[in-house]
Amino acid sequence: MKIGYLGPKATFTEAAVAALFPSEPREPYNTIPDCIDAAAAGEIKAAVVPLENALEGSVNLTLDYLIHEQPLPIIGEIVVPIEQHLLVHPYHAPHWREVKEVYSHAHAIAQCRKFLHTVLKGASQVPMTSTSAAAKFVSEHPHLPAAAIANRLAANEYGLVIVQENIHDYDYNHTRFIVVSRRNEPLSPNSPLYAGDKTTVVVMLPQDHPGALHQVLSAFAWRRLNLTKIESRPAKTGLGNYFFIIDIDAPMDDVLIPGAIAEIEALGCTVQLLGSYPYYFA
């Protein structure tokens, strides 16, 4: 069965798939929900979708869809370096500074805010479903004075010219991608990209309980469980209601993490395990 990813061809997500599954067939999907739905329906073996960028933070659509719509387990994660380039149709290459519109994924546009503000200040910024979707659009509309922000793969795939390289605002630009599947079987750590294991849980605090978050964190602290990320998201049940996504820098064991979860649930919290899985660096 194929590995699904946020398409079309030549997205950063496909680069993540190529690193983790070099010999597996691939299937692109137009949106993150489409990709996750295909995995939930068993049409593909697993789905690879973006989760977080070092410059722009979490991809909220991925988080919310996994938690509220399709609670598939996370079976792996890979961190991929991101290089954003400015691409135009060859016809517009000599006068690329005159482009009127710049197309890309909203996160990619935000990662290049300084460049767009200074070099292409008058150009409109048009969000697309992915960076390669933007490159594909620019390629198919050569009459438009437009540019795309995408990677080198997209430039090669869609016959565009890179007129400015590495236009993102900061040098350290990486994105985390997660692998989700209805088969709750973590990926094998037997890979040269393997870097460790982590566990991700979602905690919903009880209402009107002063100090609840402090008590939740204490359950991990006294067990010396290192937390690599804590993020709040709206519970979609009313203003002021949030759940917390917590990454634990350890695999699921028989004592420490189950003990922490039991202690947190005893406080009146609801705990959901999103997955315990290996992570990799490309």
Protein backbone atom coordinates (compact mmCIF):
# COMPACT_ATOMS: atom_id res chain seq x y z
CA MET A 1 0.00 0.00 0.00
CA LYS A 2 1.06 3.57 -0.64
CA ILE A 3 2.23 6.32 1.70
CA GLY A 4 0.01 9.39 1.45
CA TYR A 5 1.32 12.93 1.76
CA LEU A 6 0.28 16.55 1.33
CA GLY A 7 0.70 17.15 -2.38
CA PRO A 8 0.91 17.75 -5.21
CA LYS A 9 4.31 16.37 -6.20
CA ALA A 10 7.49 18.03 -4.89
CA THR A 11 6.21 19.36 -1.57
CA PHE A 12 8.43 19.40 1.49
CA THR A 13 6.14 16.66 2.78
CA GLU A 14 7.12 14.45 -0.15
CA ALA A 15 10.76 15.08 0.76
CA ALA A 16 9.96 13.82 4.26
CA VAL A 17 8.32 10.71 2.78
CA ALA A 18 11.33 10.09 0.54
CA ALA A 19 13.64 10.23 3.56
CA LEU A 20 11.56 7.87 5.71
CA PHE A 21 10.13 5.57 3.02
CA PRO A 22 12.62 5.64 0.12
CA SER A 23 11.28 2.51 -1.55
CA GLU A 24 7.54 2.88 -0.85
CA PRO A 25 5.05 4.05 -3.51
CA ARG A 26 3.51 7.47 -2.77
CA GLU A 27 0.12 9.08 -3.21
CA PRO A 28 -0.33 12.89 -3.05
CA TYR A 29 -3.45 14.52 -1.60
CA ASN A 30 -4.62 18.09 -2.03
CA THR A 31 -5.24 18.85 1.65
CA ILE A 32 -4.17 17.65 5.09
CA PRO A 33 -7.70 16.39 5.96
CA ASP A 34 -7.89 14.47 2.68
CA CYS A 35 -4.60 12.76 3.47
CA ILE A 36 -5.57 11.87 7.04
CA ASP A 37 -9.02 10.66 5.93
CA ALA A 38 -7.40 8.31 3.40
CA ALA A 39 -5.29 6.78 6.16
CA ALA A 40 -8.33 6.42 8.42
CA ALA A 41 -10.23 4.67 5.62
CA GLY A 42 -7.37 2.24 4.98
CA GLU A 43 -6.83 3.52 1.42
CA ILE A 44 -3.15 4.09 2.23
CA LYS A 45 -0.77 2.50 4.71
CA ALA A 46 0.08 5.78 6.44
CA ALA A 47 -0.20 9.54 5.99
CA VAL A 48 2.64 12.04 6.37
CA VAL A 49 1.55 15.58 7.23
CA PRO A 50 3.30 18.70 8.57
CA LEU A 51 2.95 19.39 12.29
CA GLU A 52 5.25 22.26 13.26
CA ASN A 53 7.67 24.75 11.72
CA ALA A 54 10.59 26.23 13.65
CA LEU A 55 9.73 29.77 12.49
CA GLU A 56 5.94 29.79 12.40
CA GLY A 57 4.95 27.23 15.03
CA SER A 58 2.33 24.52 14.84
CA VAL A 59 0.19 23.63 11.87
CA ASN A 60 -3.10 24.00 13.72
CA LEU A 61 -5.13 22.25 11.03
CA THR A 62 -3.16 19.05 11.58
CA LEU A 63 -3.52 19.19 15.36
CA ASP A 64 -7.21 20.02 15.38
CA TYR A 65 -8.13 17.47 12.72
CA LEU A 66 -6.31 14.66 14.52
CA ILE A 67 -7.87 15.49 17.86
CA HIS A 68 -11.41 16.49 16.88
CA GLU A 69 -12.08 14.62 13.62
CA GLN A 70 -9.80 11.63 12.96
CA PRO A 71 -7.92 10.54 16.09
CA LEU A 72 -5.35 8.37 14.34
CA PRO A 73 -2.27 7.31 16.33
CA ILE A 74 1.08 8.91 15.55
CA ILE A 75 3.56 6.18 14.61
CA GLY A 76 6.60 8.29 13.67
CA GLU A 77 8.04 11.76 13.23
CA ILE A 78 10.77 13.28 11.06
CA VAL A 79 12.37 16.73 11.12
CA VAL A 80 13.36 18.09 7.70
CA PRO A 81 15.41 21.23 6.91
CA ILE A 82 13.43 23.78 4.90
CA GLU A 83 14.83 26.03 2.18
CA GLN A 84 12.38 28.47 0.63
CA HIS A 85 13.16 29.85 -2.84
CA LEU A 86 11.42 32.35 -5.09
CA LEU A 87 10.29 30.67 -8.32
CA VAL A 88 8.95 32.24 -11.51
CA HIS A 89 8.06 31.10 -15.01
CA PRO A 90 11.12 31.39 -17.33
CA TYR A 91 9.32 34.13 -19.27
CA HIS A 92 9.32 36.37 -16.17
CA ALA A 93 12.84 35.58 -14.97
CA PRO A 94 14.53 38.72 -16.41
CA HIS A 95 12.05 41.04 -14.66
CA TRP A 96 11.03 39.00 -11.63
CA ARG A 97 11.05 42.02 -9.31
CA GLU A 98 7.95 43.25 -11.16
CA VAL A 99 5.73 40.32 -10.17
CA LYS A 100 2.34 41.36 -8.83
CA GLU A 101 1.40 38.24 -6.87
CA VAL A 102 3.28 35.71 -4.76
CA TYR A 103 1.68 32.29 -4.22
CA SER A 104 2.55 29.76 -1.52
CA HIS A 105 1.36 28.00 1.61
CA ALA A 106 0.48 30.46 4.38
CA HIS A 107 3.33 29.15 6.55
CA ALA A 108 5.86 29.59 3.74
CA ILE A 109 4.68 33.14 3.12
CA ALA A 110 5.05 33.91 6.82
CA GLN A 111 8.55 32.38 6.87
CA CYS A 112 9.62 34.87 4.18
CA ARG A 113 7.97 37.96 5.62
CA LYS A 114 11.08 40.17 5.60
CA PHE A 115 11.97 39.39 1.99
CA LEU A 116 8.43 40.02 0.78
CA HIS A 117 8.20 43.27 2.72
CA THR A 118 11.48 44.67 1.39
CA VAL A 119 12.06 43.17 -2.06
CA LEU A 120 8.49 42.51 -3.29
CA LYS A 121 6.68 45.05 -1.15
CA GLY A 122 3.89 45.79 -3.63
CA ALA A 123 3.08 42.19 -4.52
CA SER A 124 -0.08 40.55 -3.21
CA GLN A 125 0.40 37.42 -1.13
CA VAL A 126 -1.93 34.56 -2.07
CA PRO A 127 -2.15 31.47 0.20
CA MET A 128 -2.36 28.02 -1.39
CA THR A 129 -2.83 24.50 -0.01
CA SER A 130 0.90 23.75 -0.35
CA THR A 131 4.13 25.22 -1.72
CA SER A 132 4.14 22.87 -4.69
CA ALA A 133 0.50 23.67 -5.44
CA ALA A 134 1.67 27.28 -5.75
CA ALA A 135 4.53 26.27 -8.07
CA LYS A 136 2.13 24.20 -10.18
CA PHE A 137 -0.27 27.15 -10.45
CA VAL A 138 2.48 29.55 -11.54
CA SER A 139 3.71 27.02 -14.10
CA GLU A 140 0.22 26.61 -15.56
CA HIS A 141 -0.40 30.38 -15.79
CA PRO A 142 2.66 31.79 -17.59
CA HIS A 143 0.73 34.92 -18.60
CA LEU A 144 0.42 36.01 -14.96
CA PRO A 145 3.20 38.20 -13.49
CA ALA A 146 3.40 35.86 -10.52
CA ALA A 147 5.93 34.02 -8.37
CA ALA A 148 5.81 31.04 -6.05
CA ILE A 149 7.65 30.31 -2.83
CA ALA A 150 8.66 26.66 -2.88
CA ASN A 151 11.62 24.28 -2.87
CA ARG A 152 14.09 23.18 -5.52
CA LEU A 153 12.14 19.97 -6.16
CA ALA A 154 9.11 22.03 -7.16
CA ALA A 155 11.20 24.20 -9.47
CA ASN A 156 12.46 21.10 -11.29
CA GLU A 157 9.07 19.37 -11.31
CA TYR A 158 7.14 22.31 -12.77
CA GLY A 159 9.78 23.90 -15.01
CA LEU A 160 10.24 27.10 -13.04
CA VAL A 161 13.34 29.24 -12.50
CA ILE A 162 14.78 29.99 -9.06
CA VAL A 163 15.46 33.72 -9.10
CA GLN A 164 16.27 34.09 -5.37
CA GLU A 165 17.47 31.32 -3.07
CA ASN A 166 16.90 30.93 0.67
CA ILE A 167 14.52 33.83 1.14
CA HIS A 168 13.26 32.67 4.54
CA ASP A 169 13.84 35.12 7.37
CA TYR A 170 16.06 32.95 9.60
CA ASP A 171 18.69 30.35 8.82
CA TYR A 172 17.39 27.65 11.16
CA ASN A 173 14.22 26.67 9.32
CA HIS A 174 13.03 23.13 9.98
CA THR A 175 9.64 21.44 9.89
CA ARG A 176 8.37 18.46 11.88
CA PHE A 177 6.28 15.96 9.98
CA ILE A 178 4.30 13.18 11.64
CA VAL A 179 3.31 9.79 10.31
CA VAL A 180 -0.22 8.66 11.23
CA SER A 181 -1.89 5.34 10.53
CA ARG A 182 -4.87 3.36 11.75
CA ARG A 183 -2.42 0.52 12.29
CA ASN A 184 -1.03 1.44 15.69
CA GLU A 185 2.42 0.01 14.97
CA PRO A 186 5.33 2.46 15.52
CA LEU A 187 7.95 2.67 12.80
CA SER A 188 11.13 0.68 13.26
CA PRO A 189 14.08 2.58 14.78
CA ASN A 190 16.43 0.69 12.43
CA SER A 191 17.29 3.72 10.31
CA PRO A 192 20.39 5.91 10.12
CA LEU A 193 18.04 8.89 10.64
CA TYR A 194 16.77 7.55 13.99
CA ALA A 195 17.27 10.03 16.85
CA GLY A 196 15.16 8.78 19.76
CA ASP A 197 11.63 8.08 20.98
CA LYS A 198 8.88 10.27 22.35
CA THR A 199 5.32 10.02 23.63
CA THR A 200 2.57 12.55 22.97
CA VAL A 201 -0.52 13.00 25.15
CA VAL A 202 -3.45 15.40 25.17
CA VAL A 203 -4.66 16.62 28.57
CA MET A 204 -8.01 18.33 29.18
CA LEU A 205 -8.06 20.15 32.51
CA PRO A 206 -11.11 20.13 34.78
CA GLN A 207 -12.98 23.41 34.94
CA ASP A 208 -12.60 25.74 37.92
CA HIS A 209 -9.66 23.86 39.40
CA PRO A 210 -6.98 26.34 40.53
CA GLY A 211 -3.45 25.06 40.03
CA ALA A 212 -4.53 22.17 37.79
CA LEU A 213 -1.85 22.75 35.15
CA HIS A 214 0.83 23.01 37.85
CA GLN A 215 -0.31 19.67 39.28
CA VAL A 216 -0.28 18.07 35.82
CA LEU A 217 3.29 19.21 35.18
CA SER A 218 4.34 18.08 38.65
CA ALA A 219 3.24 14.53 37.80
CA PHE A 220 5.94 14.50 35.12
CA ALA A 221 8.52 16.54 37.03
CA TRP A 222 8.93 14.37 40.11
CA ARG A 223 9.25 11.32 37.86
CA ARG A 224 12.04 13.17 36.02
CA LEU A 225 10.21 12.88 32.70
CA ASN A 226 11.52 15.56 30.35
CA LEU A 227 8.85 17.48 28.43
CA THR A 228 9.99 18.83 25.06
CA LYS A 229 6.80 20.71 24.21
CA ILE A 230 3.63 21.99 25.88
CA GLU A 231 1.02 23.67 23.71
CA SER A 232 -2.54 24.77 24.35
CA ARG A 233 -5.35 24.63 21.78
CA PRO A 234 -9.01 25.67 22.08
CA ALA A 235 -11.26 22.79 23.10
CA LYS A 236 -14.02 24.25 20.90
CA THR A 237 -16.49 23.99 23.77
CA GLY A 238 -16.49 27.65 24.84
CA LEU A 239 -14.25 30.60 25.52
CA GLY A 240 -11.47 29.84 27.99
CA ASN A 241 -11.65 26.07 27.49
CA TYR A 242 -8.35 24.60 26.33
CA PHE A 243 -6.58 21.27 26.09
CA PHE A 244 -2.82 20.81 26.31
CA ILE A 245 -0.66 18.79 23.93
CA ILE A 246 2.42 17.48 25.75
CA ASP A 247 5.47 15.80 24.21
CA ILE A 248 7.42 13.54 26.58
CA ASP A 249 11.03 12.80 25.66
CA ALA A 250 10.72 9.07 26.37
CA PRO A 251 9.00 5.99 24.97
CA MET A 252 5.96 4.52 26.67
CA ASP A 253 7.08 2.27 29.53
CA ASP A 254 5.36 0.09 32.13
CA VAL A 255 5.75 2.41 35.13
CA LEU A 256 6.67 6.09 34.75
CA ILE A 257 4.39 7.39 31.98
CA PRO A 258 1.40 5.19 32.94
CA GLY A 259 1.88 6.35 36.54
CA ALA A 260 1.92 9.99 35.46
CA ILE A 261 -1.23 9.50 33.38
CA ALA A 262 -3.01 7.77 36.30
CA GLU A 263 -2.04 10.63 38.64
CA ILE A 264 -3.29 13.24 36.17
CA GLU A 265 -6.58 11.42 35.67
CA ALA A 266 -6.99 11.27 39.46
CA LEU A 267 -7.00 15.08 39.40
CA GLY A 268 -10.12 14.98 37.24
CA CYS A 269 -8.31 15.53 33.94
CA THR A 270 -8.97 13.65 30.73
CA VAL A 271 -5.87 12.16 29.07
CA GLN A 272 -5.66 10.95 25.47
CA LEU A 273 -2.57 9.14 24.15
CA LEU A 274 -1.73 10.35 20.63
CA GLY A 275 1.17 7.96 20.23
CA SER A 276 4.52 6.65 21.41
CA TYR A 277 6.89 6.57 18.46
CA PRO A 278 10.45 7.01 17.11
CA TYR A 279 11.57 10.33 15.68
CA TYR A 280 14.15 11.00 12.99
CA PHE A 281 16.26 13.84 11.58
CA ALA A 282 16.73 14.09 7.82
